[in-house]
């Protein structure tokens, strides 16, 4: 699992690096980068939480669903933070993202929480299927 965590962190760092220099006013790029950051952090958290001692299959599944829900809940705030960082770095006369864009990003939190929980459940079931 360490190689997967490292791969996720590398992909996240590369995506963040290229996104910062890319001039784009769409919210989809922010949401994709925020989801990559949340996925990498969630995978790192799950790996650190479970690497010390092995756990039973149901505990693993519950932990991966919980981490997925937490990672999904982080997507909105991370996206808003990334938008603020990009606004502060580029300093255009007309801002790239306005308050309604931030509100829309944060308003989709329940969708991202559900998606994170489902993604965590899929990862948990994948791990359980490989065990047996």
Foldseek 3Di string as FASTA:
>chain_A
DVVVLVVLVVVLVVLLVVVLVDDDLDLVSLLVSLLSVLVSVLVVVLCVVDVVDHDDLVVQLVSLLVSLLVSLLRSLVSSLVSLVVSQVVPVDPDRSDDPVNSVVSNVCSVVSSVVSNVVSNVVSVVVVVVVD
